[in-house]
Amino acid sequence: MSTQVVVLGSGYAGTGAIQRLEKELDGDADITWVSEHDYHLVLHEVHRCISNPSAESKVAIPVDEVKSPSTEFVQGRVTDVDVDERTVALEDGTDIDYDYLLVALGSTTAFYGIEGLEAYSLELKGLDDAREIHQKVSDAAADATASDPASIVIGGAGLSGIQTAGEVAEYRDDHDVPLDIHLVEGLDQVLPNMDPELQGALRRRLEDRDINIKCGEFVSKVDEETIYIGGGEDEAPEELPYDVFVWTGGITGQPEMAGCGVEKDERSNRVHASSDFQTSNDRVFALGDSALVEQGPDAIAPPTAQAAWQAAEVAGENLARVVRGQPLKTWTHKDKGTVVSVGEDAVAHDVDGVPINVFGGKPAQLLKKGIAAKWIADVASVSRAIDAWGDM
């Protein structure tokens, strides 16, 4: 009987690993690809759908354009992984057997136990989320007036929060609607813990788009009309009314990994993996946002699309190597720079091979488009990448 290799997830990590695995194995094992969605989502560009819903067809790539015909695709939501029985359970009651498993299920939004946060906020983790944000913003704008503009609040000023705020501003300006946009960050700066020059460049662009930035106080409570910021025993929290609230303030692992018998962070369910992606169970590998991939003592790979792209190549090859009984390769993340969009504008930082530390304008815009187009061309086709260019 042929070796059964199962890959969970169709994000950057799972998609990249599938393609490398297919190339390496070339029919030497049976490959099954499992995902809740029958498409690969170019997640770092999904915010474009907030201002421009027609971009959906450009950022969602059908799995049949990604995988080879010999790879079996199963659409379904994973509910459990049993490492003793070597099975993956799906929500519809299906069990899938494996000899080797790659977990690349991505992450979910972290709400940190803040009262009302999960109940009253929207999130941006997928295509359905972008659709909902677009619709809620559109509905709020329809009810707003110049004297009583709608209040759109984005919680978290990391990469996703900044790009979400930029797209809401793009929608406001394209449709000439009365929206007040607020970007709230608990730490002291936008894009926390990054180069101050990059932070300053992003802040200027956000403010130029009339986005109100509030840093230095954490969200403490949310109800259906108001976000409460800061406060304490002797101080009342600031009250920020809202019509639409999008929360982008952090990530955590998927709940379906809670019962999986591999070593993981018990609070987040993110799986511990060594630099060759092998977990505490030698038949289970993990990468991407699902995993805490070792990068030397007390260091892990960042939960970014860039890291997932890089890791997927080695992870796919390592799965093929373990099938063939060969030694595994280790992987070290190489940061090639950061590019952040603010609507149609963009800022780039520490880009590999570029002597300027921070730059914006047309070069940064073209670089942002080029990164998305290259990924789409790599996983699908050059023609699809060309077609997507104008919406990136």
Protein backbone atom coordinates (compact mmCIF):
# COMPACT_ATOMS: atom_id res chain seq x y z
CA MET A 1 0.00 0.00 0.00
CA SER A 2 1.30 3.45 -0.93
CA THR A 3 2.41 5.89 1.78
CA GLN A 4 -0.37 8.36 2.68
CA VAL A 5 0.73 11.98 3.09
CA VAL A 6 -1.91 14.46 4.29
CA VAL A 7 -1.58 18.25 4.27
CA LEU A 8 -4.02 20.39 6.29
CA GLY A 9 -4.68 23.95 5.18
CA SER A 10 -4.70 25.96 1.95
CA GLY A 11 -2.96 29.11 3.16
CA TYR A 12 0.54 30.13 2.13
CA ALA A 13 2.19 27.33 4.11
CA GLY A 14 -0.11 24.53 2.98
CA THR A 15 -0.28 25.65 -0.64
CA GLY A 16 3.47 26.10 -1.00
CA ALA A 17 4.15 22.78 0.71
CA ILE A 18 1.71 20.92 -1.55
CA GLN A 19 3.42 22.18 -4.68
CA ARG A 20 6.90 21.33 -3.44
CA LEU A 21 5.72 17.94 -2.16
CA GLU A 22 4.17 17.07 -5.51
CA LYS A 23 7.37 17.99 -7.28
CA GLU A 24 9.59 16.02 -4.92
CA LEU A 25 7.50 12.86 -4.63
CA ASP A 26 6.44 12.69 -8.29
CA GLY A 27 3.93 9.91 -7.61
CA ASP A 28 5.95 8.03 -4.96
CA ALA A 29 3.18 8.55 -2.35
CA ASP A 30 -0.53 9.36 -2.22
CA ILE A 31 -1.12 13.01 -1.33
CA THR A 32 -4.36 14.27 0.22
CA TRP A 33 -4.93 17.98 0.67
CA VAL A 34 -7.59 19.04 3.20
CA SER A 35 -9.01 22.54 3.58
CA GLU A 36 -12.20 24.20 4.71
CA HIS A 37 -12.19 26.25 1.49
CA ASP A 38 -11.76 25.08 -2.09
CA TYR A 39 -9.46 27.97 -2.89
CA HIS A 40 -6.14 29.41 -1.84
CA LEU A 41 -6.52 32.94 -0.50
CA VAL A 42 -3.81 35.54 -1.06
CA LEU A 43 -4.42 36.69 2.49
CA HIS A 44 -2.00 39.61 2.58
CA GLU A 45 -4.10 41.25 -0.17
CA VAL A 46 -7.59 40.31 1.05
CA HIS A 47 -8.01 43.79 2.57
CA ARG A 48 -8.40 45.04 -1.04
CA CYS A 49 -11.87 43.46 -1.04
CA ILE A 50 -13.04 45.91 1.64
CA SER A 51 -12.94 48.83 -0.79
CA ASN A 52 -13.26 46.79 -4.00
CA PRO A 53 -15.32 43.57 -3.80
CA SER A 54 -14.44 42.72 -7.40
CA ALA A 55 -10.91 41.92 -6.17
CA GLU A 56 -12.31 38.68 -4.70
CA SER A 57 -11.77 36.83 -7.97
CA LYS A 58 -8.13 37.93 -7.99
CA VAL A 59 -7.19 36.95 -4.42
CA ALA A 60 -9.08 33.61 -4.28
CA ILE A 61 -7.40 30.98 -6.47
CA PRO A 62 -9.30 27.69 -6.99
CA VAL A 63 -7.35 24.70 -5.69
CA ASP A 64 -7.62 22.98 -9.08
CA GLU A 65 -5.37 25.71 -10.47
CA VAL A 66 -2.84 25.01 -7.72
CA LYS A 67 -2.59 21.24 -7.29
CA SER A 68 -1.76 18.46 -9.72
CA PRO A 69 -4.57 16.09 -10.79
CA SER A 70 -2.97 13.24 -8.82
CA THR A 71 -3.41 15.04 -5.48
CA GLU A 72 -6.77 14.33 -3.86
CA PHE A 73 -8.48 17.42 -2.46
CA VAL A 74 -10.99 17.07 0.38
CA GLN A 75 -13.04 20.10 1.38
CA GLY A 76 -13.95 20.07 5.05
CA ARG A 77 -13.26 21.60 8.43
CA VAL A 78 -10.78 19.73 10.61
CA THR A 79 -12.13 19.06 14.11
CA ASP A 80 -9.45 16.77 15.60
CA VAL A 81 -6.13 15.05 14.97
CA ASP A 82 -5.50 11.65 16.61
CA VAL A 83 -1.77 10.94 16.48
CA ASP A 84 -2.16 7.48 18.04
CA GLU A 85 -4.62 6.27 15.40
CA ARG A 86 -3.02 8.52 12.76
CA THR A 87 -6.34 9.98 11.66
CA VAL A 88 -7.74 13.43 10.94
CA ALA A 89 -11.42 13.96 11.82
CA LEU A 90 -13.59 16.31 9.78
CA GLU A 91 -16.75 18.12 10.82
CA ASP A 92 -18.93 15.95 8.53
CA GLY A 93 -17.81 12.77 10.34
CA THR A 94 -15.19 11.74 7.79
CA ASP A 95 -11.89 10.31 9.05
CA ILE A 96 -8.77 10.57 6.91
CA ASP A 97 -5.86 8.21 7.60
CA TYR A 98 -2.27 9.33 7.25
CA ASP A 99 1.24 7.98 7.47
CA TYR A 100 2.71 11.49 7.59
CA LEU A 101 0.84 14.69 8.37
CA LEU A 102 1.63 18.35 7.75
CA VAL A 103 -0.39 20.80 9.85
CA ALA A 104 -0.70 24.22 8.21
CA LEU A 105 -4.10 25.34 9.48
CA GLY A 106 -3.13 28.95 10.06
CA SER A 107 -4.32 31.01 12.99
CA THR A 108 -7.47 32.55 14.35
CA THR A 109 -8.06 35.93 15.96
CA ALA A 110 -7.04 36.39 19.60
CA PHE A 111 -9.56 38.21 21.80
CA TYR A 112 -7.62 37.98 25.10
CA GLY A 113 -10.73 37.50 27.21
CA ILE A 114 -11.71 41.17 26.83
CA GLU A 115 -15.38 41.55 27.70
CA GLY A 116 -17.58 41.89 24.60
CA LEU A 117 -14.68 41.97 22.14
CA GLU A 118 -15.43 38.74 20.29
CA ALA A 119 -19.18 39.28 20.37
CA TYR A 120 -19.21 42.78 18.89
CA SER A 121 -16.20 43.00 16.58
CA LEU A 122 -15.57 41.90 13.03
CA GLU A 123 -12.28 40.25 12.07
CA LEU A 124 -10.23 39.91 8.89
CA LYS A 125 -9.03 36.32 8.58
CA GLY A 126 -10.70 35.32 5.33
CA LEU A 127 -12.76 36.24 2.29
CA ASP A 128 -16.09 36.07 4.12
CA ASP A 129 -14.71 38.50 6.71
CA ALA A 130 -13.70 41.02 4.02
CA ARG A 131 -17.17 40.74 2.47
CA GLU A 132 -18.81 41.40 5.83
CA ILE A 133 -16.61 44.40 6.59
CA HIS A 134 -17.38 45.88 3.17
CA GLN A 135 -21.12 45.40 3.69
CA LYS A 136 -21.13 46.80 7.24
CA VAL A 137 -19.12 49.86 6.19
CA SER A 138 -21.41 50.37 3.20
CA ASP A 139 -24.52 50.10 5.39
CA ALA A 140 -23.09 52.52 7.96
CA ALA A 141 -22.19 55.00 5.23
CA ALA A 142 -25.72 54.85 3.82
CA ASP A 143 -27.15 55.95 7.17
CA ALA A 144 -24.54 58.64 7.83
CA THR A 145 -24.72 62.38 7.16
CA ALA A 146 -22.13 65.12 6.98
CA SER A 147 -23.23 66.36 10.41
CA ASP A 148 -23.37 62.82 11.84
CA PRO A 149 -20.70 60.69 10.13
CA ALA A 150 -20.44 56.96 10.76
CA SER A 151 -17.67 55.87 13.13
CA ILE A 152 -15.46 53.04 11.86
CA VAL A 153 -12.96 51.75 14.43
CA ILE A 154 -10.07 49.39 13.71
CA GLY A 155 -8.50 47.82 16.79
CA GLY A 156 -4.83 46.95 16.47
CA ALA A 157 -2.31 48.96 14.42
CA GLY A 158 -0.19 46.10 13.19
CA LEU A 159 0.10 45.19 9.52
CA SER A 160 -3.49 44.01 9.17
CA GLY A 161 -4.96 46.93 11.10
CA ILE A 162 -3.08 49.55 9.12
CA GLN A 163 -4.04 48.00 5.80
CA THR A 164 -7.68 47.65 6.88
CA ALA A 165 -7.83 51.30 7.91
CA GLY A 166 -6.30 52.27 4.57
CA GLU A 167 -8.95 50.35 2.64
CA VAL A 168 -11.80 51.87 4.64
CA ALA A 169 -10.34 55.30 3.82
CA GLU A 170 -10.13 54.26 0.17
CA TYR A 171 -13.82 53.29 0.25
CA ARG A 172 -14.75 56.59 1.94
CA ASP A 173 -12.90 58.67 -0.66
CA ASP A 174 -14.01 56.63 -3.69
CA HIS A 175 -17.67 56.89 -2.68
CA ASP A 176 -17.48 60.35 -1.05
CA VAL A 177 -19.26 59.19 2.10
CA PRO A 178 -19.08 60.64 5.64
CA LEU A 179 -16.94 58.27 7.69
CA ASP A 180 -14.78 58.96 10.74
CA ILE A 181 -12.01 56.35 10.86
CA HIS A 182 -10.18 55.53 14.10
CA LEU A 183 -7.14 53.27 14.49
CA VAL A 184 -6.65 52.16 18.11
CA GLU A 185 -3.42 50.56 19.34
CA GLY A 186 -2.60 49.56 22.92
CA LEU A 187 1.15 50.01 22.49
CA ASP A 188 2.84 53.34 21.95
CA GLN A 189 3.18 53.36 18.16
CA VAL A 190 1.65 52.03 14.97
CA LEU A 191 3.34 48.85 13.74
CA PRO A 192 4.77 48.24 17.25
CA ASN A 193 8.36 47.06 17.76
CA MET A 194 9.44 48.05 14.26
CA ASP A 195 11.90 50.67 12.99
CA PRO A 196 10.82 54.17 14.15
CA GLU A 197 11.48 55.51 10.64
CA LEU A 198 8.97 53.02 9.22
CA GLN A 199 6.48 53.81 11.99
CA GLY A 200 6.76 57.53 11.24
CA ALA A 201 6.29 57.03 7.50
CA LEU A 202 3.15 54.97 8.09
CA ARG A 203 1.74 57.38 10.66
CA ARG A 204 2.13 60.29 8.21
CA ARG A 205 0.27 58.42 5.50
CA LEU A 206 -2.50 57.36 7.84
CA GLU A 207 -2.95 60.91 9.08
CA ASP A 208 -2.87 62.23 5.50
CA ARG A 209 -5.87 59.95 4.86
CA ASP A 210 -7.71 61.55 7.82
CA ILE A 211 -7.40 58.44 9.96
CA ASN A 212 -7.43 59.29 13.65
CA ILE A 213 -4.67 57.35 15.47
CA LYS A 214 -4.92 56.59 19.17
CA CYS A 215 -1.98 54.73 20.70
CA GLY A 216 -0.97 53.88 24.25
CA GLU A 217 -4.22 52.55 25.75
CA PHE A 218 -5.70 49.06 25.42
CA VAL A 219 -9.32 48.22 24.70
CA SER A 220 -10.80 47.17 28.05
CA LYS A 221 -14.42 46.40 27.15
CA VAL A 222 -16.84 46.51 24.21
CA ASP A 223 -20.61 46.65 24.01
CA GLU A 224 -22.88 46.97 20.99
CA GLU A 225 -22.41 50.74 20.70
CA THR A 226 -19.23 51.70 22.57
CA ILE A 227 -15.58 50.70 22.82
CA TYR A 228 -14.04 51.40 26.23
CA ILE A 229 -10.35 52.27 26.15
CA GLY A 230 -8.00 52.27 29.12
CA GLY A 231 -9.34 53.05 32.57
CA GLY A 232 -8.62 51.42 35.89
CA GLU A 233 -9.52 51.47 39.56
CA ASP A 234 -9.26 55.22 39.87
CA GLU A 235 -9.83 56.26 36.27
CA ALA A 236 -12.85 55.94 34.03
CA PRO A 237 -12.18 54.50 30.57
CA GLU A 238 -12.46 56.64 27.46
CA GLU A 239 -15.65 55.88 25.55
CA LEU A 240 -15.46 55.63 21.76
CA PRO A 241 -18.84 55.12 20.04
CA TYR A 242 -18.76 53.06 16.86
CA ASP A 243 -20.92 51.86 13.99
CA VAL A 244 -18.42 49.28 12.71
CA PHE A 245 -15.61 47.76 14.78
CA VAL A 246 -12.90 45.59 13.18
CA TRP A 247 -10.49 43.79 15.54
CA THR A 248 -7.03 42.88 14.22
CA GLY A 249 -5.19 42.89 17.54
CA GLY A 250 -3.49 39.49 17.59
CA ILE A 251 -3.49 35.82 16.61
CA THR A 252 -3.81 32.49 18.34
CA GLY A 253 -3.81 28.87 17.21
CA GLN A 254 -6.76 26.89 15.93
CA PRO A 255 -9.02 25.23 18.55
CA GLU A 256 -9.03 21.91 16.66
CA MET A 257 -5.42 21.37 17.72
CA ALA A 258 -6.32 21.44 21.43
CA GLY A 259 -6.65 17.65 21.68
CA CYS A 260 -3.80 16.79 19.34
CA GLY A 261 -1.19 14.70 21.14
CA VAL A 262 1.87 16.74 20.21
CA GLU A 263 3.73 19.32 22.27
CA LYS A 264 2.19 22.76 21.90
CA ASP A 265 1.62 26.00 23.70
CA GLU A 266 -1.41 25.11 25.82
CA ARG A 267 -2.72 28.66 25.85
CA SER A 268 -2.66 29.24 22.09
CA ASN A 269 -2.67 25.64 20.71
CA ARG A 270 0.21 26.58 18.40
CA VAL A 271 2.33 23.48 17.84
CA HIS A 272 6.00 23.37 18.78
CA ALA A 273 8.14 22.38 15.79
CA SER A 274 11.89 22.18 15.32
CA SER A 275 13.65 23.96 12.47
CA ASP A 276 12.99 20.93 10.24
CA PHE A 277 9.22 21.29 11.01
CA GLN A 278 9.03 17.98 12.85
CA THR A 279 6.93 18.02 16.02
CA SER A 280 7.23 15.86 19.14
CA ASN A 281 5.58 13.14 17.05
CA ASP A 282 7.92 12.10 14.25
CA ARG A 283 5.02 11.56 11.83
CA VAL A 284 3.54 15.03 12.33
CA PHE A 285 5.06 18.20 10.87
CA ALA A 286 3.82 21.76 11.36
CA LEU A 287 4.53 25.20 9.92
CA GLY A 288 3.00 28.61 9.30
CA ASP A 289 0.81 30.33 11.88
CA SER A 290 -0.21 26.91 13.26
CA ALA A 291 3.30 26.38 14.55
CA LEU A 292 6.02 27.79 16.76
CA VAL A 293 8.98 26.92 14.54
CA GLU A 294 12.33 27.05 16.34
CA GLN A 295 14.89 29.52 15.06
CA GLY A 296 17.64 29.00 17.59
CA PRO A 297 17.50 29.34 21.39
CA ASP A 298 14.46 31.30 22.59
CA ALA A 299 13.49 32.37 19.06
CA ILE A 300 10.68 31.35 16.73
CA ALA A 301 9.83 32.19 13.13
CA PRO A 302 7.53 35.21 12.70
CA PRO A 303 3.87 34.53 11.83
CA THR A 304 4.06 36.27 8.45
CA ALA A 305 3.19 35.36 4.89
CA GLN A 306 6.82 35.84 3.92
CA ALA A 307 8.02 33.32 6.49
CA ALA A 308 5.32 30.83 5.48
CA TRP A 309 6.34 31.09 1.80
CA GLN A 310 9.96 30.41 2.64
CA ALA A 311 9.19 27.61 5.07
CA ALA A 312 6.80 25.81 2.73
CA GLU A 313 9.57 24.98 0.28
CA VAL A 314 11.66 23.19 2.88
CA ALA A 315 8.67 21.63 4.66
CA GLY A 316 7.39 20.11 1.42
CA GLU A 317 10.83 18.73 0.62
CA ASN A 318 11.20 17.35 4.16
CA LEU A 319 7.92 15.45 3.91
CA ALA A 320 9.23 13.83 0.74
CA ARG A 321 12.52 13.10 2.47
CA VAL A 322 10.87 11.38 5.41
CA VAL A 323 8.83 9.24 3.00
CA ARG A 324 12.08 8.22 1.28
CA GLY A 325 13.94 7.67 4.55
CA GLN A 326 16.37 10.54 3.95
CA PRO A 327 17.73 13.02 6.52
CA LEU A 328 15.73 16.21 7.00
CA LYS A 329 16.84 19.72 6.14
CA THR A 330 16.68 22.61 8.60
CA TRP A 331 15.24 26.00 7.74
CA THR A 332 16.24 29.49 8.82
CA HIS A 333 14.00 32.43 8.12
CA LYS A 334 15.56 35.28 6.15
CA ASP A 335 13.78 38.60 6.49
CA LYS A 336 13.64 40.15 3.01
CA GLY A 337 11.91 43.34 4.14
CA THR A 338 8.45 44.68 4.87
CA VAL A 339 5.94 46.39 2.57
CA VAL A 340 2.73 47.88 4.00
CA SER A 341 -0.09 49.43 2.01
CA VAL A 342 -2.23 52.36 3.12
CA GLY A 343 -4.95 52.28 0.49
CA GLU A 344 -3.29 52.86 -2.87
CA ASP A 345 -0.13 54.13 -1.19
CA ALA A 346 2.58 51.90 0.29
CA VAL A 347 5.72 52.04 2.42
CA ALA A 348 8.66 49.62 2.15
CA HIS A 349 11.33 48.95 4.77
CA ASP A 350 14.68 47.15 4.76
CA VAL A 351 14.04 45.50 1.40
CA ASP A 352 16.67 42.95 0.43
CA GLY A 353 19.09 44.47 -2.08
CA VAL A 354 17.75 48.05 -1.77
CA PRO A 355 20.15 50.59 -0.16
CA ILE A 356 17.36 52.89 1.10
CA ASN A 357 16.02 51.93 4.53
CA VAL A 358 12.46 53.26 4.09
CA PHE A 359 10.78 54.42 0.90
CA GLY A 360 7.27 55.02 -0.37
CA GLY A 361 5.55 56.34 -3.47
CA LYS A 362 5.43 54.53 -6.79
CA PRO A 363 8.44 52.26 -6.12
CA ALA A 364 6.83 50.89 -2.94
CA GLN A 365 3.46 50.52 -4.68
CA LEU A 366 5.02 48.56 -7.54
CA LEU A 367 6.96 46.41 -5.11
CA LYS A 368 3.76 45.56 -3.20
CA LYS A 369 2.03 44.62 -6.44
CA GLY A 370 5.05 42.66 -7.58
CA ILE A 371 5.18 40.55 -4.41
CA ALA A 372 1.54 39.54 -4.81
CA ALA A 373 1.90 38.92 -8.54
CA LYS A 374 4.97 36.74 -8.07
CA TRP A 375 3.20 34.55 -5.53
CA ILE A 376 0.12 34.20 -7.76
CA ALA A 377 2.32 33.33 -10.74
CA ASP A 378 4.23 30.76 -8.68
CA VAL A 379 1.16 28.95 -7.31
CA ALA A 380 -1.18 29.39 -10.30
CA SER A 381 -0.10 31.01 -13.57
CA VAL A 382 1.50 34.09 -15.07
CA SER A 383 -1.77 34.95 -16.83
CA ARG A 384 -3.64 34.95 -13.51
CA ALA A 385 -0.94 37.17 -11.99
CA ILE A 386 -1.22 39.64 -14.88
CA ASP A 387 -5.01 39.69 -14.52
CA ALA A 388 -4.71 40.40 -10.76
CA TRP A 389 -2.12 43.19 -11.11
CA GLY A 390 -4.57 46.10 -11.28
CA ASP A 391 -6.37 45.09 -8.09
CA MET A 392 -3.30 44.53 -5.92
